Amino acid sequence: MSILSRVGRSLAPVLLGAAIVTAAPANAEVNVVTSIKPLELLVRAVAPEDVQVTTLVPPGSSPHNYTLRPSQRGALENADLVFWVGPDMETFLIRLLSAEEFQGRTIALSGEEIAEGEHQEEHGHGHDHGHGHDHGESEDPHLWVDPMLALEMAHDIAEALAEQEDADQNAIRQNLAAFEASLTAREASIREQLAPAREIDIFAYHSALVRFTEHYELELAGVLTLNPELSPGARHVAEVQDKLRAAAHPCLLTEPQFNRQWWRSITEGLNVTFSTWDPLAMDIPATETGYLDFQQSIADAILQCLPEDTQH
């Protein structure tokens, strides 16, 4: 099923209205801060060229346990817009973004607000950027790996950008439409590419891969650690090892942010194929096609696990 039919969303009203309004190009740069690289890719997909983007979590770090540097605090204070997934993901930002100074320019793309009592009533701009859709149907906050949810996030980003003073609304509207069409085509292509992967048992380091495998109807046979900040208990490790032994062709998707020695030790002596994917897209160039390339990189990592006689 295509993204367009699943999402069933039209362009946001503020963008449709821009079709009959001739907005002047922005005279001043718009400064955007994104918490993680995948959100930067979504901003690049829809933003005009004058938008400047700074991403907080650097290569090799994880948003689950990152510590903000003083210079990054300055970037946040100078930002016109701050995009983050939300309090269930970037816990290091909760206290800072709950401050009154960030009201009106911080948008949680999950639709999840900071807990009541922490000074942030809404996601920004004085109204709810959730548009009535629920990004987080479960507790898994890794929304951006699902292309359907990423498209919804791109709509929210585009609306926020269009509300900036002197925004080039026509450019934003056109970029969003182009991204939606390109993502729909890429999603269909990836779905076809991944058809042979339904015959293998995929294991992941942690839950970041869950929404991708669910979207493309792949079998995720096991997750090594339920919480990447903590070492899993012996019982859970033993259960995963039993699943790996029983799998016909187990494929373990590892991640560059986490310790390799740990997962190699628990798979020692087992017939496991390894591949690596990066949920934070750190090696993906930040261009207008970056998110499409990110989706393809995940698919390619899974395809590396196929037996040689089935690889294409």
C-alpha atoms as a PDB file:
ATOM      1  CA  MET A   1       0.000   0.000   0.000  1.00  0.00           C
ATOM      2  CA  SER A   2       1.484   3.372  -0.941  1.00  0.00           C
ATOM      3  CA  ILE A   3       2.239   6.144   1.499  1.00  0.00           C
ATOM      4  CA  LEU A   4      -0.200   8.468  -0.262  1.00  0.00           C
ATOM      5  CA  SER A   5      -3.124   6.088   0.209  1.00  0.00           C
ATOM      6  CA  ARG A   6      -2.125   5.294   3.783  1.00  0.00           C
ATOM      7  CA  VAL A   7      -1.579   8.847   4.874  1.00  0.00           C
ATOM      8  CA  GLY A   8      -4.507  10.314   2.981  1.00  0.00           C
ATOM      9  CA  ARG A   9      -3.511  13.842   3.831  1.00  0.00           C
ATOM     10  CA  SER A  10      -3.693  16.975   1.767  1.00  0.00           C
ATOM     11  CA  LEU A  11      -1.152  19.752   2.060  1.00  0.00           C
ATOM     12  CA  ALA A  12      -1.637  21.786   5.190  1.00  0.00           C
ATOM     13  CA  PRO A  13      -4.166  24.622   4.741  1.00  0.00           C
ATOM     14  CA  VAL A  14      -1.561  27.257   5.445  1.00  0.00           C
ATOM     15  CA  LEU A  15       0.438  25.922   2.496  1.00  0.00           C
ATOM     16  CA  LEU A  16      -2.524  25.594   0.166  1.00  0.00           C
ATOM     17  CA  GLY A  17      -3.387  29.173   0.881  1.00  0.00           C
ATOM     18  CA  ALA A  18       0.090  30.141  -0.193  1.00  0.00           C
ATOM     19  CA  ALA A  19      -0.739  29.092  -3.756  1.00  0.00           C
ATOM     20  CA  ILE A  20      -2.653  32.318  -4.251  1.00  0.00           C
ATOM     21  CA  VAL A  21      -0.309  34.511  -2.241  1.00  0.00           C
ATOM     22  CA  THR A  22       2.889  35.864  -3.716  1.00  0.00           C
ATOM     23  CA  ALA A  23       5.245  35.914  -0.761  1.00  0.00           C
ATOM     24  CA  ALA A  24       8.514  37.767  -0.962  1.00  0.00           C
ATOM     25  CA  PRO A  25      11.621  35.635  -0.581  1.00  0.00           C
ATOM     26  CA  ALA A  26      13.042  35.671   2.896  1.00  0.00           C
ATOM     27  CA  ASN A  27      15.417  38.539   3.496  1.00  0.00           C
ATOM     28  CA  ALA A  28      16.975  37.031   6.601  1.00  0.00           C
ATOM     29  CA  GLU A  29      18.189  33.550   7.317  1.00  0.00           C
ATOM     30  CA  VAL A  30      15.938  31.257   9.311  1.00  0.00           C
ATOM     31  CA  ASN A  31      17.939  29.383  11.944  1.00  0.00           C
ATOM     32  CA  VAL A  32      16.669  25.892  12.712  1.00  0.00           C
ATOM     33  CA  VAL A  33      18.006  23.465  15.308  1.00  0.00           C
ATOM     34  CA  THR A  34      17.196  19.770  15.020  1.00  0.00           C
ATOM     35  CA  SER A  35      17.932  17.297  17.758  1.00  0.00           C
ATOM     36  CA  ILE A  36      19.042  14.454  15.479  1.00  0.00           C
ATOM     37  CA  LYS A  37      20.244  14.088  11.881  1.00  0.00           C
ATOM     38  CA  PRO A  38      17.096  12.380  10.480  1.00  0.00           C
ATOM     39  CA  LEU A  39      15.075  15.458  11.420  1.00  0.00           C
ATOM     40  CA  GLU A  40      17.641  17.626   9.629  1.00  0.00           C
ATOM     41  CA  LEU A  41      17.089  15.475   6.527  1.00  0.00           C
ATOM     42  CA  LEU A  42      13.347  16.126   6.724  1.00  0.00           C
ATOM     43  CA  VAL A  43      13.947  19.871   7.117  1.00  0.00           C
ATOM     44  CA  ARG A  44      16.254  19.847   4.076  1.00  0.00           C
ATOM     45  CA  ALA A  45      13.563  18.066   2.077  1.00  0.00           C
ATOM     46  CA  VAL A  46      11.011  20.854   2.490  1.00  0.00           C
ATOM     47  CA  ALA A  47      12.888  24.027   3.477  1.00  0.00           C
ATOM     48  CA  PRO A  48      13.952  26.861   1.150  1.00  0.00           C
ATOM     49  CA  GLU A  49      17.671  27.271   0.557  1.00  0.00           C
ATOM     50  CA  ASP A  50      18.066  30.151   3.015  1.00  0.00           C
ATOM     51  CA  VAL A  51      17.186  27.980   6.017  1.00  0.00           C
ATOM     52  CA  GLN A  52      20.242  27.175   8.155  1.00  0.00           C
ATOM     53  CA  VAL A  53      20.162  23.926  10.141  1.00  0.00           C
ATOM     54  CA  THR A  54      22.210  22.864  13.170  1.00  0.00           C
ATOM     55  CA  THR A  55      21.938  19.313  14.519  1.00  0.00           C
ATOM     56  CA  LEU A  56      22.723  18.628  18.167  1.00  0.00           C
ATOM     57  CA  VAL A  57      23.603  14.912  18.473  1.00  0.00           C
ATOM     58  CA  PRO A  58      26.953  14.337  16.692  1.00  0.00           C
ATOM     59  CA  PRO A  59      28.271  11.155  15.037  1.00  0.00           C
ATOM     60  CA  GLY A  60      29.036   8.385  17.491  1.00  0.00           C
ATOM     61  CA  SER A  61      26.595   9.658  20.128  1.00  0.00           C
ATOM     62  CA  SER A  62      23.107   8.525  21.039  1.00  0.00           C
ATOM     63  CA  PRO A  63      20.078  10.729  21.812  1.00  0.00           C
ATOM     64  CA  HIS A  64      19.274   8.311  24.624  1.00  0.00           C
ATOM     65  CA  ASN A  65      22.164   9.519  26.783  1.00  0.00           C
ATOM     66  CA  TYR A  66      23.646  12.616  25.139  1.00  0.00           C
ATOM     67  CA  THR A  67      25.014  15.561  27.162  1.00  0.00           C
ATOM     68  CA  LEU A  68      24.482  19.004  25.640  1.00  0.00           C
ATOM     69  CA  ARG A  69      27.588  21.148  25.133  1.00  0.00           C
ATOM     70  CA  PRO A  70      27.559  24.852  26.182  1.00  0.00           C
ATOM     71  CA  SER A  71      27.991  25.973  22.564  1.00  0.00           C
ATOM     72  CA  GLN A  72      24.903  24.002  21.610  1.00  0.00           C
ATOM     73  CA  ARG A  73      22.906  25.786  24.275  1.00  0.00           C
ATOM     74  CA  GLY A  74      23.798  28.991  22.431  1.00  0.00           C
ATOM     75  CA  ALA A  75      22.560  27.555  19.130  1.00  0.00           C
ATOM     76  CA  LEU A  76      19.264  26.661  20.778  1.00  0.00           C
ATOM     77  CA  GLU A  77      18.869  30.127  22.257  1.00  0.00           C
ATOM     78  CA  ASN A  78      19.419  31.716  18.821  1.00  0.00           C
ATOM     79  CA  ALA A  79      17.124  29.341  16.934  1.00  0.00           C
ATOM     80  CA  ASP A  80      13.944  30.510  15.236  1.00  0.00           C
ATOM     81  CA  LEU A  81      12.633  26.954  15.358  1.00  0.00           C
ATOM     82  CA  VAL A  82      13.659  23.875  17.328  1.00  0.00           C
ATOM     83  CA  PHE A  83      12.503  20.469  16.079  1.00  0.00           C
ATOM     84  CA  TRP A  84      12.826  17.381  18.249  1.00  0.00           C
ATOM     85  CA  VAL A  85      11.034  14.048  18.378  1.00  0.00           C
ATOM     86  CA  GLY A  86       9.808  14.573  21.913  1.00  0.00           C
ATOM     87  CA  PRO A  87      10.352  13.808  25.595  1.00  0.00           C
ATOM     88  CA  ASP A  88      10.266  10.038  25.089  1.00  0.00           C
ATOM     89  CA  MET A  89      13.336  10.231  22.835  1.00  0.00           C
ATOM     90  CA  GLU A  90      15.678  13.146  23.595  1.00  0.00           C
ATOM     91  CA  THR A  91      15.473  13.109  27.367  1.00  0.00           C
ATOM     92  CA  PHE A  92      18.515  15.402  27.575  1.00  0.00           C
ATOM     93  CA  LEU A  93      16.410  18.257  26.164  1.00  0.00           C
ATOM     94  CA  ILE A  94      13.365  18.025  28.429  1.00  0.00           C
ATOM     95  CA  ARG A  95      14.495  20.391  31.167  1.00  0.00           C
ATOM     96  CA  LEU A  96      15.923  22.975  28.766  1.00  0.00           C
ATOM     97  CA  LEU A  97      13.017  23.048  26.325  1.00  0.00           C
ATOM     98  CA  SER A  98      10.486  23.319  29.145  1.00  0.00           C
ATOM     99  CA  ALA A  99      11.808  26.807  29.864  1.00  0.00           C
ATOM    100  CA  GLU A 100       9.536  29.705  28.995  1.00  0.00           C
ATOM    101  CA  GLU A 101      12.061  31.167  26.550  1.00  0.00           C
ATOM    102  CA  PHE A 102      11.538  28.225  24.172  1.00  0.00           C
ATOM    103  CA  GLN A 103       7.752  28.466  24.069  1.00  0.00           C
ATOM    104  CA  GLY A 104       6.476  29.362  20.632  1.00  0.00           C
ATOM    105  CA  ARG A 105       9.484  27.999  18.731  1.00  0.00           C
ATOM    106  CA  THR A 106       9.850  24.393  19.893  1.00  0.00           C
ATOM    107  CA  ILE A 107       7.971  21.647  18.068  1.00  0.00           C
ATOM    108  CA  ALA A 108       7.836  18.020  19.212  1.00  0.00           C
ATOM    109  CA  LEU A 109       7.259  16.064  16.010  1.00  0.00           C
ATOM    110  CA  SER A 110       5.917  13.079  17.919  1.00  0.00           C
ATOM    111  CA  GLY A 111       3.021  15.211  19.114  1.00  0.00           C
ATOM    112  CA  GLU A 112       4.061  14.372  22.692  1.00  0.00           C
ATOM    113  CA  GLU A 113       4.190  17.342  25.006  1.00  0.00           C
ATOM    114  CA  ILE A 114       6.616  17.837  27.857  1.00  0.00           C
ATOM    115  CA  ALA A 115       4.979  16.628  31.043  1.00  0.00           C
ATOM    116  CA  GLU A 116       2.499  18.947  32.687  1.00  0.00           C
ATOM    117  CA  GLY A 117       4.118  21.367  35.072  1.00  0.00           C
ATOM    118  CA  GLU A 118       7.222  21.892  32.973  1.00  0.00           C
ATOM    119  CA  HIS A 119       6.028  25.143  31.389  1.00  0.00           C
ATOM    120  CA  GLN A 120       5.281  23.966  27.864  1.00  0.00           C
ATOM    121  CA  GLU A 121       1.606  23.824  27.116  1.00  0.00           C
ATOM    122  CA  GLU A 122       1.828  23.258  23.398  1.00  0.00           C
ATOM    123  CA  HIS A 123       4.304  22.321  20.684  1.00  0.00           C
ATOM    124  CA  GLY A 124       4.821  25.864  19.420  1.00  0.00           C
ATOM    125  CA  HIS A 125       3.224  28.788  17.593  1.00  0.00           C
ATOM    126  CA  GLY A 126       0.313  28.839  20.033  1.00  0.00           C
ATOM    127  CA  HIS A 127      -1.447  25.844  18.502  1.00  0.00           C
ATOM    128  CA  ASP A 128      -1.092  22.088  18.253  1.00  0.00           C
ATOM    129  CA  HIS A 129       1.147  20.866  15.449  1.00  0.00           C
ATOM    130  CA  GLY A 130      -0.209  17.347  15.853  1.00  0.00           C
ATOM    131  CA  HIS A 131      -2.997  18.004  13.291  1.00  0.00           C
ATOM    132  CA  GLY A 132      -5.058  15.371  15.048  1.00  0.00           C
ATOM    133  CA  HIS A 133      -2.812  12.485  13.993  1.00  0.00           C
ATOM    134  CA  ASP A 134      -1.159  10.275  16.571  1.00  0.00           C
ATOM    135  CA  HIS A 135       2.481   9.681  15.642  1.00  0.00           C
ATOM    136  CA  GLY A 136       3.180   7.478  18.630  1.00  0.00           C
ATOM    137  CA  GLU A 137       0.798   4.518  18.571  1.00  0.00           C
ATOM    138  CA  SER A 138       3.119   2.598  20.885  1.00  0.00           C
ATOM    139  CA  GLU A 139       5.933   3.431  23.256  1.00  0.00           C
ATOM    140  CA  ASP A 140       8.612   3.156  20.552  1.00  0.00           C
ATOM    141  CA  PRO A 141       9.761   6.745  19.871  1.00  0.00           C
ATOM    142  CA  HIS A 142      11.872   5.954  16.763  1.00  0.00           C
ATOM    143  CA  LEU A 143       9.169   7.367  14.513  1.00  0.00           C
ATOM    144  CA  TRP A 144      11.367   8.624  11.710  1.00  0.00           C
ATOM    145  CA  VAL A 145      12.373   5.181  10.412  1.00  0.00           C
ATOM    146  CA  ASP A 146       8.775   4.631   9.238  1.00  0.00           C
ATOM    147  CA  PRO A 147       8.356   6.568   5.956  1.00  0.00           C
ATOM    148  CA  MET A 148       4.658   7.190   6.566  1.00  0.00           C
ATOM    149  CA  LEU A 149       5.325   8.801   9.929  1.00  0.00           C
ATOM    150  CA  ALA A 150       8.284  10.712   8.487  1.00  0.00           C
ATOM    151  CA  LEU A 151       5.980  12.181   5.851  1.00  0.00           C
ATOM    152  CA  GLU A 152       3.630  13.398   8.572  1.00  0.00           C
ATOM    153  CA  MET A 153       6.601  14.954  10.336  1.00  0.00           C
ATOM    154  CA  ALA A 154       7.617  16.669   7.085  1.00  0.00           C
ATOM    155  CA  HIS A 155       4.122  18.197   6.871  1.00  0.00           C
ATOM    156  CA  ASP A 156       4.504  19.571  10.405  1.00  0.00           C
ATOM    157  CA  ILE A 157       7.965  20.945   9.602  1.00  0.00           C
ATOM    158  CA  ALA A 158       6.694  22.603   6.436  1.00  0.00           C
ATOM    159  CA  GLU A 159       3.820  24.254   8.270  1.00  0.00           C
ATOM    160  CA  ALA A 160       6.122  25.635  10.948  1.00  0.00           C
ATOM    161  CA  LEU A 161       8.543  26.982   8.333  1.00  0.00           C
ATOM    162  CA  ALA A 162       5.694  28.561   6.372  1.00  0.00           C
ATOM    163  CA  GLU A 163       4.635  30.512   9.464  1.00  0.00           C
ATOM    164  CA  GLN A 164       8.008  32.235   9.777  1.00  0.00           C
ATOM    165  CA  GLU A 165       8.102  35.926   8.895  1.00  0.00           C
ATOM    166  CA  ASP A 166       8.763  36.496   5.164  1.00  0.00           C
ATOM    167  CA  ALA A 167       8.711  32.744   4.515  1.00  0.00           C
ATOM    168  CA  ASP A 168       8.805  31.656   0.878  1.00  0.00           C
ATOM    169  CA  GLN A 169       5.579  29.732   1.193  1.00  0.00           C
ATOM    170  CA  ASN A 170       5.390  28.777  -2.479  1.00  0.00           C
ATOM    171  CA  ALA A 171       8.832  27.162  -2.316  1.00  0.00           C
ATOM    172  CA  ILE A 172       7.895  25.274   0.853  1.00  0.00           C
ATOM    173  CA  ARG A 173       4.639  24.057  -0.684  1.00  0.00           C
ATOM    174  CA  GLN A 174       6.394  22.902  -3.850  1.00  0.00           C
ATOM    175  CA  ASN A 175       9.203  21.206  -1.922  1.00  0.00           C
ATOM    176  CA  LEU A 176       6.730  19.339   0.250  1.00  0.00           C
ATOM    177  CA  ALA A 177       4.745  18.127  -2.758  1.00  0.00           C
ATOM    178  CA  ALA A 178       7.943  16.980  -4.490  1.00  0.00           C
ATOM    179  CA  PHE A 179       9.121  15.185  -1.355  1.00  0.00           C
ATOM    180  CA  GLU A 180       5.801  13.410  -0.946  1.00  0.00           C
ATOM    181  CA  ALA A 181       5.881  12.183  -4.551  1.00  0.00           C
ATOM    182  CA  SER A 182       9.527  11.090  -4.352  1.00  0.00           C
ATOM    183  CA  LEU A 183       9.052   9.334  -1.029  1.00  0.00           C
ATOM    184  CA  THR A 184       6.014   7.480  -2.317  1.00  0.00           C
ATOM    185  CA  ALA A 185       8.009   6.197  -5.288  1.00  0.00           C
ATOM    186  CA  ARG A 186      10.997   5.231  -3.144  1.00  0.00           C
ATOM    187  CA  GLU A 187       8.802   3.455  -0.601  1.00  0.00           C
ATOM    188  CA  ALA A 188       7.264   1.321  -3.352  1.00  0.00           C
ATOM    189  CA  SER A 189      10.716   0.504  -4.731  1.00  0.00           C
ATOM    190  CA  ILE A 190      12.072  -0.472  -1.318  1.00  0.00           C
ATOM    191  CA  ARG A 191       9.032  -2.633  -0.607  1.00  0.00           C
ATOM    192  CA  GLU A 192       9.739  -4.579  -3.804  1.00  0.00           C
ATOM    193  CA  GLN A 193      13.464  -4.851  -3.020  1.00  0.00           C
ATOM    194  CA  LEU A 194      12.775  -6.217   0.456  1.00  0.00           C
ATOM    195  CA  ALA A 195      10.394  -8.967  -0.642  1.00  0.00           C
ATOM    196  CA  PRO A 196      13.131 -11.679  -0.415  1.00  0.00           C
ATOM    197  CA  ALA A 197      14.014 -10.497   3.101  1.00  0.00           C
ATOM    198  CA  ARG A 198      10.707 -11.837   4.392  1.00  0.00           C
ATOM    199  CA  GLU A 199      12.365 -15.267   4.316  1.00  0.00           C
ATOM    200  CA  ILE A 200      15.077 -14.425   6.887  1.00  0.00           C
ATOM    201  CA  ASP A 201      14.968 -13.825  10.637  1.00  0.00           C
ATOM    202  CA  ILE A 202      16.077 -10.289  11.435  1.00  0.00           C
ATOM    203  CA  PHE A 203      17.497  -9.396  14.834  1.00  0.00           C
ATOM    204  CA  ALA A 204      18.192  -5.824  15.935  1.00  0.00           C
ATOM    205  CA  TYR A 205      20.437  -4.321  18.583  1.00  0.00           C
ATOM    206  CA  HIS A 206      17.560  -2.287  20.029  1.00  0.00           C
ATOM    207  CA  SER A 207      14.054  -1.173  19.187  1.00  0.00           C
ATOM    208  CA  ALA A 208      15.032   1.510  16.659  1.00  0.00           C
ATOM    209  CA  LEU A 209      14.407  -0.937  13.785  1.00  0.00           C
ATOM    210  CA  VAL A 210      10.913  -1.987  14.873  1.00  0.00           C
ATOM    211  CA  ARG A 211       8.866   0.612  12.979  1.00  0.00           C
ATOM    212  CA  PHE A 212      10.818   0.056   9.743  1.00  0.00           C
ATOM    213  CA  THR A 213      10.276  -3.708   9.797  1.00  0.00           C
ATOM    214  CA  GLU A 214       6.610  -3.288  10.687  1.00  0.00           C
ATOM    215  CA  HIS A 215       6.056  -0.841   7.842  1.00  0.00           C
ATOM    216  CA  TYR A 216       7.661  -3.130   5.260  1.00  0.00           C
ATOM    217  CA  GLU A 217       6.108  -6.295   6.747  1.00  0.00           C
ATOM    218  CA  LEU A 218       9.390  -7.964   7.691  1.00  0.00           C
ATOM    219  CA  GLU A 219       9.947 -10.432  10.503  1.00  0.00           C
ATOM    220  CA  LEU A 220      11.817  -8.936  13.449  1.00  0.00           C
ATOM    221  CA  ALA A 221      12.653 -12.089  15.365  1.00  0.00           C
ATOM    222  CA  GLY A 222      14.358 -10.508  18.344  1.00  0.00           C
ATOM    223  CA  VAL A 223      15.889  -7.405  19.948  1.00  0.00           C
ATOM    224  CA  LEU A 224      19.169  -7.743  21.827  1.00  0.00           C
ATOM    225  CA  THR A 225      18.581  -5.041  24.401  1.00  0.00           C
ATOM    226  CA  LEU A 226      15.289  -3.484  25.479  1.00  0.00           C
ATOM    227  CA  ASN A 227      17.045  -0.368  26.794  1.00  0.00           C
ATOM    228  CA  PRO A 228      20.315   0.706  25.123  1.00  0.00           C
ATOM    229  CA  GLU A 229      21.309   2.648  28.235  1.00  0.00           C
ATOM    230  CA  LEU A 230      21.382  -0.535  30.323  1.00  0.00           C
ATOM    231  CA  SER A 231      23.007  -3.926  29.880  1.00  0.00           C
ATOM    232  CA  PRO A 232      20.346  -6.604  29.391  1.00  0.00           C
ATOM    233  CA  GLY A 233      19.852  -9.262  32.035  1.00  0.00           C
ATOM    234  CA  ALA A 234      21.165 -12.783  31.697  1.00  0.00           C
ATOM    235  CA  ARG A 235      17.680 -14.197  31.114  1.00  0.00           C
ATOM    236  CA  HIS A 236      17.016 -11.875  28.175  1.00  0.00           C
ATOM    237  CA  VAL A 237      20.449 -12.621  26.678  1.00  0.00           C
ATOM    238  CA  ALA A 238      19.770 -16.353  26.960  1.00  0.00           C
ATOM    239  CA  GLU A 239      16.380 -15.962  25.263  1.00  0.00           C
ATOM    240  CA  VAL A 240      17.942 -14.046  22.362  1.00  0.00           C
ATOM    241  CA  GLN A 241      20.691 -16.645  22.004  1.00  0.00           C
ATOM    242  CA  ASP A 242      18.076 -19.418  21.852  1.00  0.00           C
ATOM    243  CA  LYS A 243      16.220 -17.526  19.126  1.00  0.00           C
ATOM    244  CA  LEU A 244      19.445 -17.014  17.168  1.00  0.00           C
ATOM    245  CA  ARG A 245      20.239 -20.742  17.359  1.00  0.00           C
ATOM    246  CA  ALA A 246      16.747 -21.686  16.196  1.00  0.00           C
ATOM    247  CA  ALA A 247      16.647 -19.238  13.279  1.00  0.00           C
ATOM    248  CA  ALA A 248      17.236 -20.643   9.808  1.00  0.00           C
ATOM    249  CA  HIS A 249      19.197 -17.616   8.589  1.00  0.00           C
ATOM    250  CA  PRO A 250      19.639 -15.113  11.436  1.00  0.00           C
ATOM    251  CA  CYS A 251      20.694 -11.578  10.508  1.00  0.00           C
ATOM    252  CA  LEU A 252      21.819  -9.201  13.249  1.00  0.00           C
ATOM    253  CA  LEU A 253      21.537  -5.494  12.431  1.00  0.00           C
ATOM    254  CA  THR A 254      24.009  -3.632  14.630  1.00  0.00           C
ATOM    255  CA  GLU A 255      24.376   0.121  15.161  1.00  0.00           C
ATOM    256  CA  PRO A 256      27.553   2.246  15.160  1.00  0.00           C
ATOM    257  CA  GLN A 257      26.566   4.192  18.292  1.00  0.00           C
ATOM    258  CA  PHE A 258      26.853   1.175  20.571  1.00  0.00           C
ATOM    259  CA  ASN A 259      29.602  -1.157  21.781  1.00  0.00           C
ATOM    260  CA  ARG A 260      30.437  -3.830  19.202  1.00  0.00           C
ATOM    261  CA  GLN A 261      32.318  -6.103  21.575  1.00  0.00           C
ATOM    262  CA  TRP A 262      29.201  -6.672  23.642  1.00  0.00           C
ATOM    263  CA  TRP A 263      27.057  -8.127  20.873  1.00  0.00           C
ATOM    264  CA  ARG A 264      29.973 -10.079  19.420  1.00  0.00           C
ATOM    265  CA  SER A 265      30.468 -11.754  22.793  1.00  0.00           C
ATOM    266  CA  ILE A 266      26.874 -12.968  23.053  1.00  0.00           C
ATOM    267  CA  THR A 267      26.854 -14.262  19.460  1.00  0.00           C
ATOM    268  CA  GLU A 268      30.206 -16.071  19.689  1.00  0.00           C
ATOM    269  CA  GLY A 269      29.970 -19.547  18.217  1.00  0.00           C
ATOM    270  CA  LEU A 270      26.591 -18.888  16.599  1.00  0.00           C
ATOM    271  CA  ASN A 271      26.005 -18.849  12.848  1.00  0.00           C
ATOM    272  CA  VAL A 272      24.899 -15.239  12.537  1.00  0.00           C
ATOM    273  CA  THR A 273      25.232 -12.838   9.607  1.00  0.00           C
ATOM    274  CA  PHE A 274      26.090  -9.290  10.670  1.00  0.00           C
ATOM    275  CA  SER A 275      25.132  -6.058   8.966  1.00  0.00           C
ATOM    276  CA  THR A 276      25.195  -2.462  10.204  1.00  0.00           C
ATOM    277  CA  TRP A 277      22.629   0.290   9.868  1.00  0.00           C
ATOM    278  CA  ASP A 278      22.561   3.734  11.417  1.00  0.00           C
ATOM    279  CA  PRO A 279      19.222   4.972  12.786  1.00  0.00           C
ATOM    280  CA  LEU A 280      20.787   8.439  13.147  1.00  0.00           C
ATOM    281  CA  ALA A 281      21.793   8.645   9.454  1.00  0.00           C
ATOM    282  CA  MET A 282      25.160  10.195  10.296  1.00  0.00           C
ATOM    283  CA  ASP A 283      26.819   9.254   6.986  1.00  0.00           C
ATOM    284  CA  ILE A 284      23.880  10.466   4.878  1.00  0.00           C
ATOM    285  CA  PRO A 285      24.518  13.858   3.187  1.00  0.00           C
ATOM    286  CA  ALA A 286      22.115  16.555   4.390  1.00  0.00           C
ATOM    287  CA  THR A 287      20.464  17.298   1.038  1.00  0.00           C
ATOM    288  CA  GLU A 288      16.893  17.441  -0.213  1.00  0.00           C
ATOM    289  CA  THR A 289      17.118  13.719  -1.085  1.00  0.00           C
ATOM    290  CA  GLY A 290      18.816  12.780   2.187  1.00  0.00           C
ATOM    291  CA  TYR A 291      15.782  11.158   3.784  1.00  0.00           C
ATOM    292  CA  LEU A 292      15.192   9.007   0.699  1.00  0.00           C
ATOM    293  CA  ASP A 293      18.845   7.948   0.865  1.00  0.00           C
ATOM    294  CA  PHE A 294      18.399   7.142   4.557  1.00  0.00           C
ATOM    295  CA  GLN A 295      15.457   4.849   3.840  1.00  0.00           C
ATOM    296  CA  GLN A 296      17.472   3.142   1.123  1.00  0.00           C
ATOM    297  CA  SER A 297      20.446   2.703   3.478  1.00  0.00           C
ATOM    298  CA  ILE A 298      18.298   0.740   5.926  1.00  0.00           C
ATOM    299  CA  ALA A 299      16.976  -1.476   3.142  1.00  0.00           C
ATOM    300  CA  ASP A 300      20.506  -2.034   1.811  1.00  0.00           C
ATOM    301  CA  ALA A 301      21.723  -3.090   5.261  1.00  0.00           C
ATOM    302  CA  ILE A 302      18.988  -5.716   5.464  1.00  0.00           C
ATOM    303  CA  LEU A 303      19.629  -6.919   1.914  1.00  0.00           C
ATOM    304  CA  GLN A 304      23.280  -7.515   2.846  1.00  0.00           C
ATOM    305  CA  CYS A 305      22.023 -10.343   5.052  1.00  0.00           C
ATOM    306  CA  LEU A 306      20.359 -12.281   2.265  1.00  0.00           C
ATOM    307  CA  PRO A 307      22.036 -15.533   1.175  1.00  0.00           C
ATOM    308  CA  GLU A 308      24.276 -14.811  -1.829  1.00  0.00           C
ATOM    309  CA  ASP A 309      22.084 -16.755  -4.219  1.00  0.00           C
ATOM    310  CA  THR A 310      19.119 -14.456  -3.456  1.00  0.00           C
ATOM    311  CA  GLN A 311      20.938 -11.085  -3.560  1.00  0.00           C
ATOM    312  CA  HIS A 312      20.167  -8.861  -6.521  1.00  0.00           C
END
